Amino acid sequence: MLPGSPVKRLLRRAAKGRREKAEMAELAAAAATLLLLRAASLRCSADPRVATPFSWQGVTCSPQSWVVSLSLPDTFLNLSSLPPPLATLSSLQLLNLSACNVSGAIPPSYASLSALRVLDLSSNALTGDIPDGLGALSGL
């Protein structure tokens, strides 16, 4: 095969495409992770003059500007654990992180999510037991 042959160029282009695809998946995972952590650390900023004061795909806020729903199914987060700061979302009613490539244990602090009504962590690589307090949540 010659150095500049069409086959060699195609192989280089294919390798570059695989690298770019992997980089895009990594960037998407980083963006989704940042979204999770940002949602866990902030209230929704609401402007009463705006009909929809807060708009992030997968995040729903109450009229009082609290995060009440975080739904990011089938998002390649690739996290080694569920982010403990999510437990600070005291008004969270729905948490859907199904099929997000999350591993590790469910943090015991998630038992403090007393408003939680729906929890979907299916199709992940979670380990360990379900924390006792989480199973005792009355609305779940």
N, C-alpha and C. Protein backbone atom coordinates (compact mmCIF):
# COMPACT_ATOMS: atom_id res chain seq x y z
N MET A 1 0.84 -1.17 0.00
CA MET A 1 0.00 0.00 0.00
C MET A 1 0.90 1.24 0.00
N LEU A 2 0.60 2.17 -0.86
CA LEU A 2 1.37 3.41 -0.96
C LEU A 2 0.99 4.36 0.17
N PRO A 3 1.94 5.23 0.63
CA PRO A 3 1.67 6.13 1.74
C PRO A 3 0.42 6.98 1.56
N GLY A 4 0.14 7.42 0.37
CA GLY A 4 -1.02 8.29 0.15
C GLY A 4 -2.17 7.56 -0.52
N SER A 5 -2.19 6.25 -0.43
CA SER A 5 -3.20 5.46 -1.13
C SER A 5 -4.60 5.76 -0.58
N PRO A 6 -5.62 5.55 -1.43
CA PRO A 6 -7.00 5.79 -0.99
C PRO A 6 -7.39 4.94 0.22
N VAL A 7 -6.90 3.72 0.30
CA VAL A 7 -7.22 2.85 1.44
C VAL A 7 -6.67 3.44 2.73
N LYS A 8 -5.43 3.90 2.67
CA LYS A 8 -4.81 4.48 3.86
C LYS A 8 -5.56 5.75 4.29
N ARG A 9 -5.95 6.58 3.31
CA ARG A 9 -6.70 7.80 3.62
C ARG A 9 -8.04 7.45 4.27
N LEU A 10 -8.71 6.42 3.74
CA LEU A 10 -9.98 5.99 4.32
C LEU A 10 -9.80 5.49 5.75
N LEU A 11 -8.73 4.72 5.98
CA LEU A 11 -8.46 4.22 7.33
C LEU A 11 -8.20 5.37 8.30
N ARG A 12 -7.43 6.37 7.85
CA ARG A 12 -7.16 7.53 8.71
C ARG A 12 -8.45 8.29 9.00
N ARG A 13 -9.29 8.47 7.97
CA ARG A 13 -10.55 9.18 8.15
C ARG A 13 -11.48 8.42 9.10
N ALA A 14 -11.52 7.10 8.98
CA ALA A 14 -12.35 6.28 9.87
C ALA A 14 -11.87 6.38 11.31
N ALA A 15 -10.54 6.34 11.50
CA ALA A 15 -9.99 6.45 12.85
C ALA A 15 -10.31 7.82 13.44
N LYS A 16 -10.21 8.85 12.62
CA LYS A 16 -10.53 10.21 13.08
C LYS A 16 -12.01 10.30 13.46
N GLY A 17 -12.88 9.68 12.66
CA GLY A 17 -14.31 9.68 12.95
C GLY A 17 -14.63 9.00 14.27
N ARG A 18 -13.94 7.88 14.55
CA ARG A 18 -14.15 7.17 15.83
C ARG A 18 -13.70 8.04 16.99
N ARG A 19 -12.56 8.71 16.84
CA ARG A 19 -12.07 9.60 17.90
C ARG A 19 -13.05 10.75 18.13
N GLU A 20 -13.55 11.34 17.05
CA GLU A 20 -14.50 12.45 17.17
C GLU A 20 -15.79 11.99 17.83
N LYS A 21 -16.26 10.80 17.48
CA LYS A 21 -17.48 10.27 18.08
C LYS A 21 -17.27 10.03 19.57
N ALA A 22 -16.13 9.48 19.94
CA ALA A 22 -15.82 9.24 21.36
C ALA A 22 -15.72 10.56 22.11
N GLU A 23 -15.10 11.56 21.48
CA GLU A 23 -14.98 12.87 22.12
C GLU A 23 -16.36 13.51 22.31
N MET A 24 -17.25 13.37 21.33
CA MET A 24 -18.60 13.93 21.44
C MET A 24 -19.37 13.24 22.56
N ALA A 25 -19.23 11.92 22.68
CA ALA A 25 -19.91 11.19 23.75
C ALA A 25 -19.39 11.64 25.10
N GLU A 26 -18.08 11.87 25.18
CA GLU A 26 -17.48 12.33 26.43
C GLU A 26 -17.97 13.74 26.78
N LEU A 27 -18.07 14.61 25.79
CA LEU A 27 -18.58 15.97 26.03
C LEU A 27 -20.04 15.94 26.45
N ALA A 28 -20.84 15.07 25.82
CA ALA A 28 -22.25 14.96 26.19
C ALA A 28 -22.39 14.47 27.62
N ALA A 29 -21.56 13.50 28.01
CA ALA A 29 -21.59 13.00 29.38
C ALA A 29 -21.20 14.09 30.37
N ALA A 30 -20.18 14.86 30.03
CA ALA A 30 -19.74 15.95 30.91
C ALA A 30 -20.83 17.00 31.04
N ALA A 31 -21.49 17.34 29.94
CA ALA A 31 -22.56 18.34 29.98
C ALA A 31 -23.73 17.86 30.84
N ALA A 32 -24.11 16.59 30.69
CA ALA A 32 -25.21 16.05 31.48
C ALA A 32 -24.85 16.02 32.96
N THR A 33 -23.61 15.68 33.27
CA THR A 33 -23.16 15.67 34.66
C THR A 33 -23.20 17.07 35.25
N LEU A 34 -22.74 18.05 34.48
CA LEU A 34 -22.80 19.43 34.96
C LEU A 34 -24.24 19.87 35.18
N LEU A 35 -25.14 19.46 34.30
CA LEU A 35 -26.55 19.78 34.48
C LEU A 35 -27.07 19.21 35.79
N LEU A 36 -26.73 17.96 36.07
CA LEU A 36 -27.15 17.34 37.33
C LEU A 36 -26.64 18.12 38.53
N LEU A 37 -25.35 18.42 38.52
CA LEU A 37 -24.75 19.11 39.66
C LEU A 37 -25.28 20.53 39.80
N ARG A 38 -25.51 21.21 38.68
CA ARG A 38 -26.05 22.57 38.74
C ARG A 38 -27.48 22.55 39.27
N ALA A 39 -28.28 21.60 38.81
CA ALA A 39 -29.66 21.51 39.30
C ALA A 39 -29.69 21.22 40.79
N ALA A 40 -28.72 20.48 41.26
CA ALA A 40 -28.67 20.13 42.68
C ALA A 40 -28.23 21.30 43.54
N SER A 41 -27.57 22.27 42.94
CA SER A 41 -27.02 23.35 43.76
C SER A 41 -27.81 24.65 43.69
N LEU A 42 -28.79 24.73 42.82
CA LEU A 42 -29.49 25.99 42.63
C LEU A 42 -31.00 25.83 42.69
N ARG A 43 -31.65 26.91 43.07
CA ARG A 43 -33.08 27.02 42.85
C ARG A 43 -33.27 27.49 41.42
N CYS A 44 -34.42 27.22 40.88
CA CYS A 44 -34.74 27.75 39.56
C CYS A 44 -34.93 29.26 39.73
N SER A 45 -34.36 30.02 38.85
CA SER A 45 -34.57 31.46 38.95
C SER A 45 -35.85 31.79 38.20
N ALA A 46 -36.79 32.37 38.90
CA ALA A 46 -38.10 32.65 38.31
C ALA A 46 -38.33 34.14 38.17
N ASP A 47 -38.83 34.52 37.04
CA ASP A 47 -39.25 35.89 36.79
C ASP A 47 -40.75 35.83 36.57
N PRO A 48 -41.55 36.40 37.47
CA PRO A 48 -43.01 36.29 37.37
C PRO A 48 -43.57 36.88 36.08
N ARG A 49 -42.80 37.69 35.38
CA ARG A 49 -43.28 38.30 34.14
C ARG A 49 -43.15 37.35 32.95
N VAL A 50 -42.46 36.25 33.13
CA VAL A 50 -42.22 35.31 32.04
C VAL A 50 -43.10 34.08 32.24
N ALA A 51 -43.81 33.67 31.18
CA ALA A 51 -44.71 32.52 31.30
C ALA A 51 -43.98 31.25 31.68
N THR A 52 -42.83 31.00 31.08
CA THR A 52 -42.01 29.84 31.41
C THR A 52 -40.69 30.38 31.93
N PRO A 53 -40.58 30.59 33.25
CA PRO A 53 -39.41 31.26 33.79
C PRO A 53 -38.13 30.45 33.74
N PHE A 54 -38.26 29.15 33.57
CA PHE A 54 -37.08 28.30 33.64
C PHE A 54 -37.22 27.22 32.59
N SER A 55 -36.24 27.03 31.77
CA SER A 55 -36.35 26.04 30.71
C SER A 55 -35.03 25.32 30.48
N TRP A 56 -34.91 24.16 31.10
CA TRP A 56 -33.81 23.24 30.83
C TRP A 56 -34.47 21.93 30.50
N GLN A 57 -34.10 21.31 29.42
CA GLN A 57 -34.69 20.03 29.08
C GLN A 57 -34.38 19.03 30.18
N GLY A 58 -35.42 18.37 30.68
CA GLY A 58 -35.25 17.36 31.72
C GLY A 58 -35.38 17.89 33.13
N VAL A 59 -35.50 19.21 33.29
CA VAL A 59 -35.64 19.82 34.62
C VAL A 59 -36.97 20.56 34.67
N THR A 60 -37.77 20.27 35.69
CA THR A 60 -39.05 20.96 35.87
C THR A 60 -39.03 21.66 37.21
N CYS A 61 -39.53 22.88 37.22
CA CYS A 61 -39.56 23.67 38.45
C CYS A 61 -40.99 23.95 38.89
N SER A 62 -41.14 24.15 40.17
CA SER A 62 -42.44 24.51 40.73
C SER A 62 -42.67 26.00 40.53
N PRO A 63 -43.91 26.47 40.74
CA PRO A 63 -44.16 27.92 40.68
C PRO A 63 -43.33 28.69 41.71
N GLN A 64 -42.90 28.01 42.76
CA GLN A 64 -42.07 28.65 43.79
C GLN A 64 -40.59 28.57 43.44
N SER A 65 -40.27 28.09 42.26
CA SER A 65 -38.90 28.05 41.73
C SER A 65 -38.04 26.93 42.30
N TRP A 66 -38.63 25.89 42.81
CA TRP A 66 -37.86 24.75 43.29
C TRP A 66 -37.83 23.67 42.22
N VAL A 67 -36.72 22.94 42.13
CA VAL A 67 -36.63 21.81 41.19
C VAL A 67 -37.51 20.69 41.73
N VAL A 68 -38.52 20.29 40.93
CA VAL A 68 -39.43 19.23 41.36
C VAL A 68 -39.27 17.96 40.53
N SER A 69 -38.62 18.07 39.37
CA SER A 69 -38.45 16.90 38.52
C SER A 69 -37.11 17.00 37.79
N LEU A 70 -36.39 15.89 37.82
CA LEU A 70 -35.14 15.78 37.09
C LEU A 70 -35.21 14.47 36.31
N SER A 71 -35.41 14.57 35.00
CA SER A 71 -35.61 13.40 34.17
C SER A 71 -34.64 13.42 33.00
N LEU A 72 -33.62 12.58 33.08
CA LEU A 72 -32.59 12.50 32.03
C LEU A 72 -32.37 11.06 31.60
N PRO A 73 -33.45 10.34 31.24
CA PRO A 73 -33.27 8.94 30.85
C PRO A 73 -32.45 8.81 29.57
N ASP A 74 -31.76 7.69 29.46
CA ASP A 74 -30.96 7.38 28.26
C ASP A 74 -29.93 8.45 27.94
N THR A 75 -29.40 9.07 28.97
CA THR A 75 -28.34 10.06 28.81
C THR A 75 -27.05 9.41 29.27
N PHE A 76 -26.05 9.37 28.45
CA PHE A 76 -24.80 8.68 28.78
C PHE A 76 -23.99 9.54 29.76
N LEU A 77 -24.35 9.46 31.05
CA LEU A 77 -23.65 10.25 32.07
C LEU A 77 -22.30 9.65 32.42
N ASN A 78 -22.22 8.32 32.42
CA ASN A 78 -20.97 7.63 32.73
C ASN A 78 -20.40 8.08 34.08
N LEU A 79 -21.23 8.08 35.10
CA LEU A 79 -20.80 8.48 36.44
C LEU A 79 -20.38 7.27 37.25
N SER A 80 -19.36 7.44 38.08
CA SER A 80 -18.93 6.33 38.94
C SER A 80 -19.81 6.24 40.18
N SER A 81 -20.65 7.23 40.40
CA SER A 81 -21.62 7.18 41.50
C SER A 81 -22.71 8.22 41.25
N LEU A 82 -23.82 8.05 41.94
CA LEU A 82 -24.88 9.05 41.87
C LEU A 82 -24.42 10.28 42.65
N PRO A 83 -24.64 11.47 42.15
CA PRO A 83 -24.16 12.68 42.84
C PRO A 83 -24.90 12.92 44.16
N PRO A 84 -24.20 12.85 45.30
CA PRO A 84 -24.84 13.12 46.59
C PRO A 84 -25.52 14.49 46.66
N PRO A 85 -25.03 15.55 45.97
CA PRO A 85 -25.73 16.84 46.06
C PRO A 85 -27.19 16.81 45.61
N LEU A 86 -27.58 15.79 44.84
CA LEU A 86 -28.99 15.71 44.44
C LEU A 86 -29.90 15.58 45.65
N ALA A 87 -29.37 15.06 46.75
CA ALA A 87 -30.16 14.88 47.97
C ALA A 87 -30.58 16.22 48.58
N THR A 88 -29.97 17.31 48.13
CA THR A 88 -30.35 18.63 48.66
C THR A 88 -31.58 19.20 47.97
N LEU A 89 -32.08 18.52 46.95
CA LEU A 89 -33.28 18.99 46.26
C LEU A 89 -34.51 18.57 47.06
N SER A 90 -34.82 19.32 48.09
CA SER A 90 -35.85 18.94 49.05
C SER A 90 -37.26 18.88 48.45
N SER A 91 -37.50 19.51 47.33
CA SER A 91 -38.83 19.48 46.69
C SER A 91 -38.91 18.48 45.54
N LEU A 92 -37.84 17.74 45.32
CA LEU A 92 -37.80 16.81 44.19
C LEU A 92 -38.85 15.72 44.34
N GLN A 93 -39.71 15.60 43.32
CA GLN A 93 -40.76 14.59 43.32
C GLN A 93 -40.47 13.46 42.35
N LEU A 94 -39.71 13.74 41.30
CA LEU A 94 -39.41 12.73 40.29
C LEU A 94 -37.93 12.78 39.97
N LEU A 95 -37.28 11.63 40.04
CA LEU A 95 -35.88 11.50 39.65
C LEU A 95 -35.78 10.31 38.71
N ASN A 96 -35.48 10.59 37.45
CA ASN A 96 -35.35 9.53 36.45
C ASN A 96 -33.97 9.62 35.81
N LEU A 97 -33.12 8.72 36.22
CA LEU A 97 -31.78 8.60 35.64
C LEU A 97 -31.60 7.20 35.06
N SER A 98 -32.67 6.67 34.48
CA SER A 98 -32.61 5.32 33.92
C SER A 98 -31.71 5.28 32.69
N ALA A 99 -30.98 4.19 32.56
CA ALA A 99 -30.10 3.95 31.40
C ALA A 99 -29.12 5.09 31.17
N CYS A 100 -28.47 5.53 32.24
CA CYS A 100 -27.50 6.65 32.15
C CYS A 100 -26.06 6.20 32.37
N ASN A 101 -25.84 4.89 32.44
CA ASN A 101 -24.50 4.34 32.67
C ASN A 101 -23.90 4.84 33.98
N VAL A 102 -24.72 4.79 35.03
CA VAL A 102 -24.28 5.17 36.37
C VAL A 102 -23.92 3.90 37.13
N SER A 103 -22.81 3.94 37.85
CA SER A 103 -22.40 2.78 38.65
C SER A 103 -22.26 3.21 40.11
N GLY A 104 -21.93 2.24 40.96
CA GLY A 104 -21.75 2.53 42.37
C GLY A 104 -23.03 2.35 43.16
N ALA A 105 -22.99 2.77 44.40
CA ALA A 105 -24.12 2.60 45.31
C ALA A 105 -25.03 3.83 45.32
N ILE A 106 -26.26 3.61 45.73
CA ILE A 106 -27.19 4.73 45.93
C ILE A 106 -26.79 5.41 47.23
N PRO A 107 -26.52 6.70 47.22
CA PRO A 107 -26.12 7.38 48.45
C PRO A 107 -27.22 7.32 49.52
N PRO A 108 -26.86 7.01 50.76
CA PRO A 108 -27.86 7.00 51.84
C PRO A 108 -28.55 8.35 51.99
N SER A 109 -27.89 9.43 51.59
CA SER A 109 -28.48 10.77 51.72
C SER A 109 -29.73 10.93 50.86
N TYR A 110 -29.94 10.07 49.87
CA TYR A 110 -31.14 10.16 49.05
C TYR A 110 -32.40 9.88 49.87
N ALA A 111 -32.25 9.30 51.04
CA ALA A 111 -33.38 9.07 51.93
C ALA A 111 -33.97 10.38 52.44
N SER A 112 -33.24 11.48 52.29
CA SER A 112 -33.77 12.78 52.73
C SER A 112 -34.69 13.41 51.69
N LEU A 113 -34.87 12.76 50.55
CA LEU A 113 -35.75 13.28 49.50
C LEU A 113 -37.21 12.94 49.85
N SER A 114 -37.73 13.57 50.87
CA SER A 114 -39.04 13.22 51.41
C SER A 114 -40.20 13.51 50.46
N ALA A 115 -40.04 14.38 49.48
CA ALA A 115 -41.11 14.68 48.53
C ALA A 115 -41.12 13.71 47.35
N LEU A 116 -40.12 12.83 47.27
CA LEU A 116 -39.96 11.94 46.12
C LEU A 116 -41.16 11.00 45.96
N ARG A 117 -41.70 10.97 44.74
CA ARG A 117 -42.83 10.09 44.42
C ARG A 117 -42.44 9.05 43.37
N VAL A 118 -41.49 9.40 42.50
CA VAL A 118 -41.05 8.50 41.43
C VAL A 118 -39.53 8.48 41.42
N LEU A 119 -38.96 7.29 41.47
CA LEU A 119 -37.51 7.11 41.39
C LEU A 119 -37.24 6.01 40.38
N ASP A 120 -36.58 6.35 39.30
CA ASP A 120 -36.24 5.36 38.28
C ASP A 120 -34.74 5.39 38.03
N LEU A 121 -34.06 4.38 38.54
CA LEU A 121 -32.62 4.22 38.35
C LEU A 121 -32.33 2.93 37.60
N SER A 122 -33.32 2.43 36.88
CA SER A 122 -33.19 1.16 36.18
C SER A 122 -32.15 1.22 35.06
N SER A 123 -31.70 0.05 34.67
CA SER A 123 -30.75 -0.12 33.56
C SER A 123 -29.45 0.65 33.77
N ASN A 124 -28.94 0.62 34.98
CA ASN A 124 -27.64 1.18 35.33
C ASN A 124 -26.81 0.06 35.95
N ALA A 125 -25.62 0.35 36.37
CA ALA A 125 -24.74 -0.65 36.98
C ALA A 125 -24.59 -0.36 38.47
N LEU A 126 -25.72 -0.14 39.14
CA LEU A 126 -25.67 0.18 40.57
C LEU A 126 -25.32 -1.06 41.38
N THR A 127 -24.66 -0.83 42.51
CA THR A 127 -24.23 -1.93 43.38
C THR A 127 -24.74 -1.67 44.79
N GLY A 128 -24.71 -2.71 45.59
CA GLY A 128 -25.08 -2.57 47.00
C GLY A 128 -26.58 -2.62 47.22
N ASP A 129 -26.94 -2.41 48.47
CA ASP A 129 -28.35 -2.46 48.87
C ASP A 129 -29.02 -1.10 48.69
N ILE A 130 -30.34 -1.14 48.64
CA ILE A 130 -31.11 0.11 48.65
C ILE A 130 -31.05 0.63 50.08
N PRO A 131 -30.65 1.89 50.28
CA PRO A 131 -30.58 2.42 51.64
C PRO A 131 -31.92 2.29 52.36
N ASP A 132 -31.88 1.89 53.63
CA ASP A 132 -33.09 1.68 54.42
C ASP A 132 -34.02 2.88 54.39
N GLY A 133 -33.47 4.05 54.60
CA GLY A 133 -34.30 5.25 54.64
C GLY A 133 -35.01 5.53 53.33
N LEU A 134 -34.40 5.16 52.21
CA LEU A 134 -35.01 5.38 50.90
C LEU A 134 -36.24 4.49 50.74
N GLY A 135 -36.12 3.26 51.18
CA GLY A 135 -37.25 2.34 51.10
C GLY A 135 -38.38 2.72 52.04
N ALA A 136 -38.09 3.54 53.03
CA ALA A 136 -39.10 3.95 54.00
C ALA A 136 -39.84 5.23 53.62
N LEU A 137 -39.47 5.86 52.51
CA LEU A 137 -40.15 7.09 52.11
C LEU A 137 -41.62 6.78 51.82
N SER A 138 -42.51 7.52 52.44
CA SER A 138 -43.94 7.20 52.37
C SER A 138 -44.56 7.39 50.99
N GLY A 139 -44.11 8.35 50.23
CA GLY A 139 -44.73 8.62 48.93
C GLY A 139 -44.13 7.85 47.78
N LEU A 140 -43.08 7.12 48.05
CA LEU A 140 -42.36 6.43 46.97
C LEU A 140 -42.98 5.08 46.68
